[in-house]
Amino acid sequence: MSLNKSERRQRIKFRIRKIVSGTAAMPRLSVFRSNKEIYAQIIDDVNGVTLAAASSRDKGITKGTNIETAAAVGKAIAEAALKAGIDTIAFDRGGYLYHGRVKSLAEGAREAGLKF
């Protein structure tokens, strides 16, 4: 059985989501990566609520290389989370490899004070 790229990512995403779930005490940091932009949300899955969000489309995010922009989004999501009283999260890479922009976003969030 041959899977295309999006089907493969979807299967990996479901496998991750069986394990990673967000609660009010430890919400989930979800990452979505498009060809142009990168988005991050902090989600409480129990109540079905997005607690904080940041993306490369927001004002105040410095545009540079894709890696630098992802790190800036990581810092922005961490600042929004800390402002909302969240310091520990579960990281959901969304079926993407922990590499490149996804890794840069995670490291930016860690540098800004989030623990995961």
PDB file of N, CA and C in Angstrom:
ATOM      1  N   MET A   1       0.844  -1.186   0.000  1.00  0.00           N
ATOM      2  CA  MET A   1       0.000   0.000   0.000  1.00  0.00           C
ATOM      3  C   MET A   1       0.884   1.241   0.000  1.00  0.00           C
ATOM      4  N   SER A   2       0.694   2.074  -0.984  1.00  0.00           N
ATOM      5  CA  SER A   2       1.506   3.276  -1.128  1.00  0.00           C
ATOM      6  C   SER A   2       0.712   4.490  -0.657  1.00  0.00           C
ATOM      7  N   LEU A   3       1.306   5.253   0.248  1.00  0.00           N
ATOM      8  CA  LEU A   3       0.655   6.455   0.768  1.00  0.00           C
ATOM      9  C   LEU A   3       1.314   7.686   0.175  1.00  0.00           C
ATOM     10  N   ASN A   4       0.501   8.701  -0.117  1.00  0.00           N
ATOM     11  CA  ASN A   4       1.121   9.945  -0.536  1.00  0.00           C
ATOM     12  C   ASN A   4       1.542  10.728   0.720  1.00  0.00           C
ATOM     13  N   LYS A   5       2.166  11.855   0.492  1.00  0.00           N
ATOM     14  CA  LYS A   5       2.771  12.610   1.586  1.00  0.00           C
ATOM     15  C   LYS A   5       1.744  13.052   2.640  1.00  0.00           C
ATOM     16  N   SER A   6       0.593  13.558   2.204  1.00  0.00           N
ATOM     17  CA  SER A   6      -0.401  14.055   3.157  1.00  0.00           C
ATOM     18  C   SER A   6      -1.061  12.912   3.929  1.00  0.00           C
ATOM     19  N   GLU A   7      -1.293  11.771   3.270  1.00  0.00           N
ATOM     20  CA  GLU A   7      -1.857  10.615   3.980  1.00  0.00           C
ATOM     21  C   GLU A   7      -0.887  10.087   5.024  1.00  0.00           C
ATOM     22  N   ARG A   8       0.378  10.054   4.686  1.00  0.00           N
ATOM     23  CA  ARG A   8       1.407   9.594   5.620  1.00  0.00           C
ATOM     24  C   ARG A   8       1.464  10.508   6.845  1.00  0.00           C
ATOM     25  N   ARG A   9       1.451  11.829   6.610  1.00  0.00           N
ATOM     26  CA  ARG A   9       1.476  12.781   7.714  1.00  0.00           C
ATOM     27  C   ARG A   9       0.235  12.643   8.586  1.00  0.00           C
ATOM     28  N   GLN A  10      -0.916  12.407   7.960  1.00  0.00           N
ATOM     29  CA  GLN A  10      -2.164  12.249   8.707  1.00  0.00           C
ATOM     30  C   GLN A  10      -2.097  11.028   9.630  1.00  0.00           C
ATOM     31  N   ARG A  11      -1.541   9.925   9.161  1.00  0.00           N
ATOM     32  CA  ARG A  11      -1.408   8.721   9.980  1.00  0.00           C
ATOM     33  C   ARG A  11      -0.463   8.967  11.156  1.00  0.00           C
ATOM     34  N   ILE A  12       0.642   9.666  10.901  1.00  0.00           N
ATOM     35  CA  ILE A  12       1.580   9.994  11.971  1.00  0.00           C
ATOM     36  C   ILE A  12       0.902  10.915  12.985  1.00  0.00           C
ATOM     37  N   LYS A  13       0.135  11.885  12.487  1.00  0.00           N
ATOM     38  CA  LYS A  13      -0.576  12.836  13.353  1.00  0.00           C
ATOM     39  C   LYS A  13      -1.548  12.101  14.276  1.00  0.00           C
ATOM     40  N   PHE A  14      -2.315  11.149  13.734  1.00  0.00           N
ATOM     41  CA  PHE A  14      -3.251  10.383  14.557  1.00  0.00           C
ATOM     42  C   PHE A  14      -2.509   9.565  15.605  1.00  0.00           C
ATOM     43  N   ARG A  15      -1.367   9.005  15.222  1.00  0.00           N
ATOM     44  CA  ARG A  15      -0.578   8.201  16.158  1.00  0.00           C
ATOM     45  C   ARG A  15      -0.069   9.065  17.319  1.00  0.00           C
ATOM     46  N   ILE A  16       0.350  10.295  17.016  1.00  0.00           N
ATOM     47  CA  ILE A  16       0.811  11.220  18.055  1.00  0.00           C
ATOM     48  C   ILE A  16      -0.353  11.626  18.956  1.00  0.00           C
ATOM     49  N   ARG A  17      -1.513  11.926  18.346  1.00  0.00           N
ATOM     50  CA  ARG A  17      -2.658  12.422  19.110  1.00  0.00           C
ATOM     51  C   ARG A  17      -3.285  11.363  20.016  1.00  0.00           C
ATOM     52  N   LYS A  18      -3.014  10.060  19.747  1.00  0.00           N
ATOM     53  CA  LYS A  18      -3.464   9.021  20.672  1.00  0.00           C
ATOM     54  C   LYS A  18      -2.760   9.167  22.011  1.00  0.00           C
ATOM     55  N   ILE A  19      -1.541   9.695  21.979  1.00  0.00           N
ATOM     56  CA  ILE A  19      -0.702   9.794  23.172  1.00  0.00           C
ATOM     57  C   ILE A  19      -0.778  11.190  23.785  1.00  0.00           C
ATOM     58  N   VAL A  20      -0.644  12.226  22.963  1.00  0.00           N
ATOM     59  CA  VAL A  20      -0.543  13.609  23.442  1.00  0.00           C
ATOM     60  C   VAL A  20      -1.927  14.235  23.506  1.00  0.00           C
ATOM     61  N   SER A  21      -2.317  14.678  24.703  1.00  0.00           N
ATOM     62  CA  SER A  21      -3.588  15.363  24.882  1.00  0.00           C
ATOM     63  C   SER A  21      -3.386  16.504  25.860  1.00  0.00           C
ATOM     64  N   GLY A  22      -4.088  17.598  25.650  1.00  0.00           N
ATOM     65  CA  GLY A  22      -3.927  18.762  26.504  1.00  0.00           C
ATOM     66  C   GLY A  22      -5.000  18.846  27.570  1.00  0.00           C
ATOM     67  N   THR A  23      -4.587  19.234  28.780  1.00  0.00           N
ATOM     68  CA  THR A  23      -5.518  19.464  29.876  1.00  0.00           C
ATOM     69  C   THR A  23      -5.370  20.921  30.298  1.00  0.00           C
ATOM     70  N   ALA A  24      -6.181  21.339  31.252  1.00  0.00           N
ATOM     71  CA  ALA A  24      -6.071  22.717  31.736  1.00  0.00           C
ATOM     72  C   ALA A  24      -4.733  22.913  32.444  1.00  0.00           C
ATOM     73  N   ALA A  25      -4.258  21.879  33.158  1.00  0.00           N
ATOM     74  CA  ALA A  25      -2.987  21.981  33.880  1.00  0.00           C
ATOM     75  C   ALA A  25      -1.795  21.920  32.927  1.00  0.00           C
ATOM     76  N   MET A  26      -1.884  21.066  31.897  1.00  0.00           N
ATOM     77  CA  MET A  26      -0.788  20.930  30.938  1.00  0.00           C
ATOM     78  C   MET A  26      -1.367  20.884  29.519  1.00  0.00           C
ATOM     79  N   PRO A  27      -1.604  22.059  28.911  1.00  0.00           N
ATOM     80  CA  PRO A  27      -2.196  22.097  27.579  1.00  0.00           C
ATOM     81  C   PRO A  27      -1.213  21.634  26.496  1.00  0.00           C
ATOM     82  N   ARG A  28      -1.744  21.469  25.296  1.00  0.00           N
ATOM     83  CA  ARG A  28      -0.980  20.959  24.162  1.00  0.00           C
ATOM     84  C   ARG A  28      -0.579  22.119  23.260  1.00  0.00           C
ATOM     85  N   LEU A  29       0.698  22.155  22.863  1.00  0.00           N
ATOM     86  CA  LEU A  29       1.184  23.141  21.891  1.00  0.00           C
ATOM     87  C   LEU A  29       1.160  22.476  20.525  1.00  0.00           C
ATOM     88  N   SER A  30       0.207  22.885  19.684  1.00  0.00           N
ATOM     89  CA  SER A  30       0.024  22.301  18.368  1.00  0.00           C
ATOM     90  C   SER A  30       0.687  23.180  17.317  1.00  0.00           C
ATOM     91  N   VAL A  31       1.404  22.538  16.378  1.00  0.00           N
ATOM     92  CA  VAL A  31       2.118  23.256  15.326  1.00  0.00           C
ATOM     93  C   VAL A  31       1.523  22.896  13.976  1.00  0.00           C
ATOM     94  N   PHE A  32       1.278  23.908  13.140  1.00  0.00           N
ATOM     95  CA  PHE A  32       0.901  23.678  11.749  1.00  0.00           C
ATOM     96  C   PHE A  32       1.874  24.438  10.866  1.00  0.00           C
ATOM     97  N   ARG A  33       2.397  23.753   9.883  1.00  0.00           N
ATOM     98  CA  ARG A  33       3.396  24.324   8.994  1.00  0.00           C
ATOM     99  C   ARG A  33       2.850  24.293   7.572  1.00  0.00           C
ATOM    100  N   SER A  34       2.681  25.460   6.968  1.00  0.00           N
ATOM    101  CA  SER A  34       2.308  25.501   5.554  1.00  0.00           C
ATOM    102  C   SER A  34       3.569  25.823   4.759  1.00  0.00           C
ATOM    103  N   ASN A  35       3.442  25.920   3.453  1.00  0.00           N
ATOM    104  CA  ASN A  35       4.629  26.227   2.650  1.00  0.00           C
ATOM    105  C   ASN A  35       5.175  27.620   2.935  1.00  0.00           C
ATOM    106  N   LYS A  36       4.284  28.565   3.250  1.00  0.00           N
ATOM    107  CA  LYS A  36       4.719  29.946   3.467  1.00  0.00           C
ATOM    108  C   LYS A  36       4.804  30.334   4.931  1.00  0.00           C
ATOM    109  N   GLU A  37       3.881  29.846   5.747  1.00  0.00           N
ATOM    110  CA  GLU A  37       3.736  30.336   7.124  1.00  0.00           C
ATOM    111  C   GLU A  37       3.876  29.197   8.124  1.00  0.00           C
ATOM    112  N   ILE A  38       3.939  29.559   9.424  1.00  0.00           N
ATOM    113  CA  ILE A  38       3.923  28.575  10.501  1.00  0.00           C
ATOM    114  C   ILE A  38       3.006  29.109  11.603  1.00  0.00           C
ATOM    115  N   TYR A  39       2.214  28.224  12.173  1.00  0.00           N
ATOM    116  CA  TYR A  39       1.204  28.594  13.157  1.00  0.00           C
ATOM    117  C   TYR A  39       1.376  27.735  14.404  1.00  0.00           C
ATOM    118  N   ALA A  40       1.081  28.296  15.569  1.00  0.00           N
ATOM    119  CA  ALA A  40       1.145  27.545  16.818  1.00  0.00           C
ATOM    120  C   ALA A  40      -0.059  27.921  17.679  1.00  0.00           C
ATOM    121  N   GLN A  41      -0.630  26.913  18.338  1.00  0.00           N
ATOM    122  CA  GLN A  41      -1.758  27.139  19.248  1.00  0.00           C
ATOM    123  C   GLN A  41      -1.528  26.353  20.525  1.00  0.00           C
ATOM    124  N   ILE A  42      -1.954  26.917  21.642  1.00  0.00           N
ATOM    125  CA  ILE A  42      -1.953  26.184  22.907  1.00  0.00           C
ATOM    126  C   ILE A  42      -3.401  25.834  23.198  1.00  0.00           C
ATOM    127  N   ILE A  43      -3.672  24.528  23.315  1.00  0.00           N
ATOM    128  CA  ILE A  43      -5.039  24.020  23.336  1.00  0.00           C
ATOM    129  C   ILE A  43      -5.301  23.199  24.597  1.00  0.00           C
ATOM    130  N   ASP A  44      -6.448  23.442  25.210  1.00  0.00           N
ATOM    131  CA  ASP A  44      -6.966  22.595  26.294  1.00  0.00           C
ATOM    132  C   ASP A  44      -7.990  21.665  25.648  1.00  0.00           C
ATOM    133  N   ASP A  45      -7.611  20.401  25.433  1.00  0.00           N
ATOM    134  CA  ASP A  45      -8.488  19.451  24.734  1.00  0.00           C
ATOM    135  C   ASP A  45      -9.682  19.020  25.574  1.00  0.00           C
ATOM    136  N   VAL A  46      -9.568  19.052  26.889  1.00  0.00           N
ATOM    137  CA  VAL A  46     -10.673  18.625  27.756  1.00  0.00           C
ATOM    138  C   VAL A  46     -11.868  19.562  27.570  1.00  0.00           C
ATOM    139  N   ASN A  47     -11.599  20.863  27.574  1.00  0.00           N
ATOM    140  CA  ASN A  47     -12.668  21.851  27.406  1.00  0.00           C
ATOM    141  C   ASN A  47     -12.839  22.289  25.955  1.00  0.00           C
ATOM    142  N   GLY A  48     -11.935  21.872  25.071  1.00  0.00           N
ATOM    143  CA  GLY A  48     -12.025  22.251  23.663  1.00  0.00           C
ATOM    144  C   GLY A  48     -11.807  23.725  23.424  1.00  0.00           C
ATOM    145  N   VAL A  49     -10.798  24.299  24.097  1.00  0.00           N
ATOM    146  CA  VAL A  49     -10.571  25.742  24.044  1.00  0.00           C
ATOM    147  C   VAL A  49      -9.125  26.026  23.632  1.00  0.00           C
ATOM    148  N   THR A  50      -8.961  27.011  22.748  1.00  0.00           N
ATOM    149  CA  THR A  50      -7.630  27.504  22.414  1.00  0.00           C
ATOM    150  C   THR A  50      -7.277  28.591  23.419  1.00  0.00           C
ATOM    151  N   LEU A  51      -6.179  28.397  24.154  1.00  0.00           N
ATOM    152  CA  LEU A  51      -5.793  29.326  25.217  1.00  0.00           C
ATOM    153  C   LEU A  51      -4.897  30.453  24.704  1.00  0.00           C
ATOM    154  N   ALA A  52      -4.068  30.156  23.697  1.00  0.00           N
ATOM    155  CA  ALA A  52      -3.174  31.162  23.129  1.00  0.00           C
ATOM    156  C   ALA A  52      -2.824  30.738  21.710  1.00  0.00           C
ATOM    157  N   ALA A  53      -2.511  31.703  20.867  1.00  0.00           N
ATOM    158  CA  ALA A  53      -2.134  31.399  19.490  1.00  0.00           C
ATOM    159  C   ALA A  53      -1.134  32.425  18.991  1.00  0.00           C
ATOM    160  N   ALA A  54      -0.285  31.989  18.064  1.00  0.00           N
ATOM    161  CA  ALA A  54       0.668  32.883  17.413  1.00  0.00           C
ATOM    162  C   ALA A  54       0.961  32.323  16.034  1.00  0.00           C
ATOM    163  N   SER A  55       1.287  33.199  15.108  1.00  0.00           N
ATOM    164  CA  SER A  55       1.650  32.737  13.780  1.00  0.00           C
ATOM    165  C   SER A  55       2.632  33.707  13.150  1.00  0.00           C
ATOM    166  N   SER A  56       3.215  33.283  12.043  1.00  0.00           N
ATOM    167  CA  SER A  56       4.160  34.139  11.334  1.00  0.00           C
ATOM    168  C   SER A  56       3.442  35.276  10.612  1.00  0.00           C
ATOM    169  N   ARG A  57       2.118  35.248  10.579  1.00  0.00           N
ATOM    170  CA  ARG A  57       1.343  36.310   9.952  1.00  0.00           C
ATOM    171  C   ARG A  57       1.031  37.436  10.925  1.00  0.00           C
ATOM    172  N   ASP A  58       1.274  37.239  12.222  1.00  0.00           N
ATOM    173  CA  ASP A  58       0.973  38.259  13.224  1.00  0.00           C
ATOM    174  C   ASP A  58       1.869  39.482  13.044  1.00  0.00           C
ATOM    175  N   LYS A  59       1.330  40.626  13.440  1.00  0.00           N
ATOM    176  CA  LYS A  59       2.149  41.833  13.458  1.00  0.00           C
ATOM    177  C   LYS A  59       3.161  41.696  14.597  1.00  0.00           C
ATOM    178  N   GLY A  60       4.343  42.206  14.400  1.00  0.00           N
ATOM    179  CA  GLY A  60       5.361  42.135  15.432  1.00  0.00           C
ATOM    180  C   GLY A  60       6.282  40.935  15.295  1.00  0.00           C
ATOM    181  N   ILE A  61       5.974  40.011  14.399  1.00  0.00           N
ATOM    182  CA  ILE A  61       6.860  38.877  14.148  1.00  0.00           C
ATOM    183  C   ILE A  61       7.839  39.295  13.060  1.00  0.00           C
ATOM    184  N   THR A  62       9.112  39.263  13.390  1.00  0.00           N
ATOM    185  CA  THR A  62      10.125  39.682  12.429  1.00  0.00           C
ATOM    186  C   THR A  62      10.284  38.623  11.355  1.00  0.00           C
ATOM    187  N   LYS A  63      10.283  39.063  10.124  1.00  0.00           N
ATOM    188  CA  LYS A  63      10.455  38.152   8.995  1.00  0.00           C
ATOM    189  C   LYS A  63      11.942  38.070   8.655  1.00  0.00           C
ATOM    190  N   GLY A  64      12.422  36.853   8.555  1.00  0.00           N
ATOM    191  CA  GLY A  64      13.799  36.595   8.133  1.00  0.00           C
ATOM    192  C   GLY A  64      13.764  35.320   7.330  1.00  0.00           C
ATOM    193  N   THR A  65      14.686  34.437   7.611  1.00  0.00           N
ATOM    194  CA  THR A  65      14.596  33.125   6.986  1.00  0.00           C
ATOM    195  C   THR A  65      13.448  32.371   7.659  1.00  0.00           C
ATOM    196  N   ASN A  66      13.040  31.268   7.058  1.00  0.00           N
ATOM    197  CA  ASN A  66      11.942  30.489   7.638  1.00  0.00           C
ATOM    198  C   ASN A  66      12.277  30.021   9.046  1.00  0.00           C
ATOM    199  N   ILE A  67      13.531  29.626   9.280  1.00  0.00           N
ATOM    200  CA  ILE A  67      13.959  29.138  10.591  1.00  0.00           C
ATOM    201  C   ILE A  67      13.882  30.271  11.629  1.00  0.00           C
ATOM    202  N   GLU A  68      14.355  31.457  11.261  1.00  0.00           N
ATOM    203  CA  GLU A  68      14.331  32.602  12.176  1.00  0.00           C
ATOM    204  C   GLU A  68      12.897  33.017  12.493  1.00  0.00           C
ATOM    205  N   THR A  69      12.031  32.991  11.483  1.00  0.00           N
ATOM    206  CA  THR A  69      10.629  33.339  11.685  1.00  0.00           C
ATOM    207  C   THR A  69       9.955  32.343  12.620  1.00  0.00           C
ATOM    208  N   ALA A  70      10.249  31.047  12.446  1.00  0.00           N
ATOM    209  CA  ALA A  70       9.675  30.018  13.317  1.00  0.00           C
ATOM    210  C   ALA A  70      10.126  30.218  14.758  1.00  0.00           C
ATOM    211  N   ALA A  71      11.389  30.587  14.971  1.00  0.00           N
ATOM    212  CA  ALA A  71      11.892  30.842  16.323  1.00  0.00           C
ATOM    213  C   ALA A  71      11.161  32.041  16.938  1.00  0.00           C
ATOM    214  N   ALA A  72      10.899  33.071  16.127  1.00  0.00           N
ATOM    215  CA  ALA A  72      10.163  34.248  16.614  1.00  0.00           C
ATOM    216  C   ALA A  72       8.725  33.871  16.994  1.00  0.00           C
ATOM    217  N   VAL A  73       8.101  32.984  16.225  1.00  0.00           N
ATOM    218  CA  VAL A  73       6.747  32.523  16.552  1.00  0.00           C
ATOM    219  C   VAL A  73       6.783  31.723  17.853  1.00  0.00           C
ATOM    220  N   GLY A  74       7.817  30.902  18.054  1.00  0.00           N
ATOM    221  CA  GLY A  74       7.973  30.157  19.300  1.00  0.00           C
ATOM    222  C   GLY A  74       8.081  31.077  20.498  1.00  0.00           C
ATOM    223  N   LYS A  75       8.857  32.144  20.364  1.00  0.00           N
ATOM    224  CA  LYS A  75       8.987  33.114  21.453  1.00  0.00           C
ATOM    225  C   LYS A  75       7.647  33.804  21.712  1.00  0.00           C
ATOM    226  N   ALA A  76       6.931  34.144  20.635  1.00  0.00           N
ATOM    227  CA  ALA A  76       5.641  34.831  20.783  1.00  0.00           C
ATOM    228  C   ALA A  76       4.609  33.937  21.473  1.00  0.00           C
ATOM    229  N   ILE A  77       4.559  32.657  21.111  1.00  0.00           N
ATOM    230  CA  ILE A  77       3.589  31.753  21.736  1.00  0.00           C
ATOM    231  C   ILE A  77       3.943  31.528  23.197  1.00  0.00           C
ATOM    232  N   ALA A  78       5.232  31.489  23.508  1.00  0.00           N
ATOM    233  CA  ALA A  78       5.656  31.315  24.900  1.00  0.00           C
ATOM    234  C   ALA A  78       5.266  32.530  25.740  1.00  0.00           C
ATOM    235  N   GLU A  79       5.466  33.720  25.190  1.00  0.00           N
ATOM    236  CA  GLU A  79       5.091  34.934  25.918  1.00  0.00           C
ATOM    237  C   GLU A  79       3.586  34.987  26.157  1.00  0.00           C
ATOM    238  N   ALA A  80       2.798  34.597  25.139  1.00  0.00           N
ATOM    239  CA  ALA A  80       1.343  34.587  25.296  1.00  0.00           C
ATOM    240  C   ALA A  80       0.920  33.547  26.336  1.00  0.00           C
ATOM    241  N   ALA A  81       1.605  32.402  26.352  1.00  0.00           N
ATOM    242  CA  ALA A  81       1.278  31.354  27.319  1.00  0.00           C
ATOM    243  C   ALA A  81       1.625  31.789  28.731  1.00  0.00           C
ATOM    244  N   LEU A  82       2.791  32.380  28.914  1.00  0.00           N
ATOM    245  CA  LEU A  82       3.201  32.822  30.239  1.00  0.00           C
ATOM    246  C   LEU A  82       2.270  33.922  30.753  1.00  0.00           C
ATOM    247  N   LYS A  83       1.795  34.775  29.835  1.00  0.00           N
ATOM    248  CA  LYS A  83       0.847  35.818  30.210  1.00  0.00           C
ATOM    249  C   LYS A  83      -0.484  35.208  30.665  1.00  0.00           C
ATOM    250  N   ALA A  84      -0.850  34.054  30.075  1.00  0.00           N
ATOM    251  CA  ALA A  84      -2.083  33.359  30.441  1.00  0.00           C
ATOM    252  C   ALA A  84      -1.885  32.436  31.644  1.00  0.00           C
ATOM    253  N   GLY A  85      -0.671  32.405  32.206  1.00  0.00           N
ATOM    254  CA  GLY A  85      -0.410  31.596  33.394  1.00  0.00           C
ATOM    255  C   GLY A  85      -0.048  30.149  33.095  1.00  0.00           C
ATOM    256  N   ILE A  86       0.404  29.872  31.885  1.00  0.00           N
ATOM    257  CA  ILE A  86       0.794  28.511  31.490  1.00  0.00           C
ATOM    258  C   ILE A  86       2.306  28.464  31.375  1.00  0.00           C
ATOM    259  N   ASP A  87       2.937  27.494  32.084  1.00  0.00           N
ATOM    260  CA  ASP A  87       4.391  27.381  31.954  1.00  0.00           C
ATOM    261  C   ASP A  87       4.844  25.999  31.500  1.00  0.00           C
ATOM    262  N   THR A  88       3.973  24.994  31.570  1.00  0.00           N
ATOM    263  CA  THR A  88       4.313  23.636  31.140  1.00  0.00           C
ATOM    264  C   THR A  88       3.310  23.182  30.088  1.00  0.00           C
ATOM    265  N   ILE A  89       3.827  22.640  28.976  1.00  0.00           N
ATOM    266  CA  ILE A  89       2.955  22.197  27.886  1.00  0.00           C
ATOM    267  C   ILE A  89       3.399  20.836  27.371  1.00  0.00           C
ATOM    268  N   ALA A  90       2.512  20.197  26.612  1.00  0.00           N
ATOM    269  CA  ALA A  90       2.840  18.975  25.877  1.00  0.00           C
ATOM    270  C   ALA A  90       2.998  19.380  24.418  1.00  0.00           C
ATOM    271  N   PHE A  91       4.097  18.997  23.787  1.00  0.00           N
ATOM    272  CA  PHE A  91       4.389  19.430  22.420  1.00  0.00           C
ATOM    273  C   PHE A  91       3.794  18.452  21.416  1.00  0.00           C
ATOM    274  N   ASP A  92       3.006  18.984  20.477  1.00  0.00           N
ATOM    275  CA  ASP A  92       2.400  18.190  19.404  1.00  0.00           C
ATOM    276  C   ASP A  92       2.968  18.703  18.087  1.00  0.00           C
ATOM    277  N   ARG A  93       3.844  17.913  17.477  1.00  0.00           N
ATOM    278  CA  ARG A  93       4.502  18.353  16.251  1.00  0.00           C
ATOM    279  C   ARG A  93       3.618  18.206  15.023  1.00  0.00           C
ATOM    280  N   GLY A  94       2.419  17.675  15.179  1.00  0.00           N
ATOM    281  CA  GLY A  94       1.441  17.646  14.105  1.00  0.00           C
ATOM    282  C   GLY A  94       1.783  16.732  12.942  1.00  0.00           C
ATOM    283  N   GLY A  95       2.558  15.690  13.175  1.00  0.00           N
ATOM    284  CA  GLY A  95       2.922  14.768  12.103  1.00  0.00           C
ATOM    285  C   GLY A  95       4.141  15.185  11.324  1.00  0.00           C
ATOM    286  N   TYR A  96       4.700  16.348  11.643  1.00  0.00           N
ATOM    287  CA  TYR A  96       5.913  16.804  10.967  1.00  0.00           C
ATOM    288  C   TYR A  96       7.128  16.239  11.691  1.00  0.00           C
ATOM    289  N   LEU A  97       8.235  16.120  10.983  1.00  0.00           N
ATOM    290  CA  LEU A  97       9.477  15.699  11.616  1.00  0.00           C
ATOM    291  C   LEU A  97       9.948  16.798  12.566  1.00  0.00           C
ATOM    292  N   TYR A  98      10.569  16.403  13.679  1.00  0.00           N
ATOM    293  CA  TYR A  98      11.140  17.388  14.605  1.00  0.00           C
ATOM    294  C   TYR A  98      12.463  17.834  14.009  1.00  0.00           C
ATOM    295  N   HIS A  99      12.364  18.763  13.070  1.00  0.00           N
ATOM    296  CA  HIS A  99      13.507  19.154  12.267  1.00  0.00           C
ATOM    297  C   HIS A  99      13.183  20.494  11.623  1.00  0.00           C
ATOM    298  N   GLY A 100      14.164  21.316  11.410  1.00  0.00           N
ATOM    299  CA  GLY A 100      13.941  22.565  10.678  1.00  0.00           C
ATOM    300  C   GLY A 100      13.053  23.541  11.411  1.00  0.00           C
ATOM    301  N   ARG A 101      11.964  23.959  10.759  1.00  0.00           N
ATOM    302  CA  ARG A 101      11.085  24.997  11.313  1.00  0.00           C
ATOM    303  C   ARG A 101      10.370  24.547  12.582  1.00  0.00           C
ATOM    304  N   VAL A 102       9.968  23.271  12.646  1.00  0.00           N
ATOM    305  CA  VAL A 102       9.272  22.770  13.832  1.00  0.00           C
ATOM    306  C   VAL A 102      10.222  22.770  15.029  1.00  0.00           C
ATOM    307  N   LYS A 103      11.455  22.323  14.818  1.00  0.00           N
ATOM    308  CA  LYS A 103      12.463  22.308  15.878  1.00  0.00           C
ATOM    309  C   LYS A 103      12.789  23.734  16.319  1.00  0.00           C
ATOM    310  N   SER A 104      12.912  24.643  15.370  1.00  0.00           N
ATOM    311  CA  SER A 104      13.219  26.034  15.679  1.00  0.00           C
ATOM    312  C   SER A 104      12.114  26.684  16.514  1.00  0.00           C
ATOM    313  N   LEU A 105      10.862  26.396  16.184  1.00  0.00           N
ATOM    314  CA  LEU A 105       9.732  26.919  16.961  1.00  0.00           C
ATOM    315  C   LEU A 105       9.792  26.391  18.389  1.00  0.00           C
ATOM    316  N   ALA A 106      10.056  25.090  18.550  1.00  0.00           N
ATOM    317  CA  ALA A 106      10.127  24.491  19.887  1.00  0.00           C
ATOM    318  C   ALA A 106      11.263  25.090  20.700  1.00  0.00           C
ATOM    319  N   GLU A 107      12.422  25.272  20.081  1.00  0.00           N
ATOM    320  CA  GLU A 107      13.562  25.848  20.796  1.00  0.00           C
ATOM    321  C   GLU A 107      13.301  27.304  21.159  1.00  0.00           C
ATOM    322  N   GLY A 108      12.643  28.053  20.287  1.00  0.00           N
ATOM    323  CA  GLY A 108      12.281  29.439  20.597  1.00  0.00           C
ATOM    324  C   GLY A 108      11.341  29.514  21.786  1.00  0.00           C
ATOM    325  N   ALA A 109      10.388  28.585  21.868  1.00  0.00           N
ATOM    326  CA  ALA A 109       9.454  28.561  22.987  1.00  0.00           C
ATOM    327  C   ALA A 109      10.175  28.183  24.279  1.00  0.00           C
ATOM    328  N   ARG A 110      11.109  27.241  24.199  1.00  0.00           N
ATOM    329  CA  ARG A 110      11.885  26.851  25.393  1.00  0.00           C
ATOM    330  C   ARG A 110      12.736  28.019  25.902  1.00  0.00           C
ATOM    331  N   GLU A 111      13.380  28.741  24.981  1.00  0.00           N
ATOM    332  CA  GLU A 111      14.222  29.871  25.371  1.00  0.00           C
ATOM    333  C   GLU A 111      13.403  30.958  26.066  1.00  0.00           C
ATOM    334  N   ALA A 112      12.155  31.122  25.637  1.00  0.00           N
ATOM    335  CA  ALA A 112      11.295  32.157  26.220  1.00  0.00           C
ATOM    336  C   ALA A 112      10.652  31.731  27.529  1.00  0.00           C
ATOM    337  N   GLY A 113      10.872  30.477  27.961  1.00  0.00           N
ATOM    338  CA  GLY A 113      10.413  30.083  29.295  1.00  0.00           C
ATOM    339  C   GLY A 113       9.411  28.950  29.398  1.00  0.00           C
ATOM    340  N   LEU A 114       8.954  28.389  28.266  1.00  0.00           N
ATOM    341  CA  LEU A 114       8.035  27.243  28.364  1.00  0.00           C
ATOM    342  C   LEU A 114       8.794  25.970  28.666  1.00  0.00           C
ATOM    343  N   LYS A 115       8.172  25.081  29.455  1.00  0.00           N
ATOM    344  CA  LYS A 115       8.790  23.809  29.783  1.00  0.00           C
ATOM    345  C   LYS A 115       8.012  22.685  29.101  1.00  0.00           C
ATOM    346  N   PHE A 116       8.751  21.813  28.395  1.00  0.00           N
ATOM    347  CA  PHE A 116       8.165  20.611  27.794  1.00  0.00           C
ATOM    348  C   PHE A 116       9.218  19.615  27.434  1.00  0.00           C
TER     349      PHE A 116
END
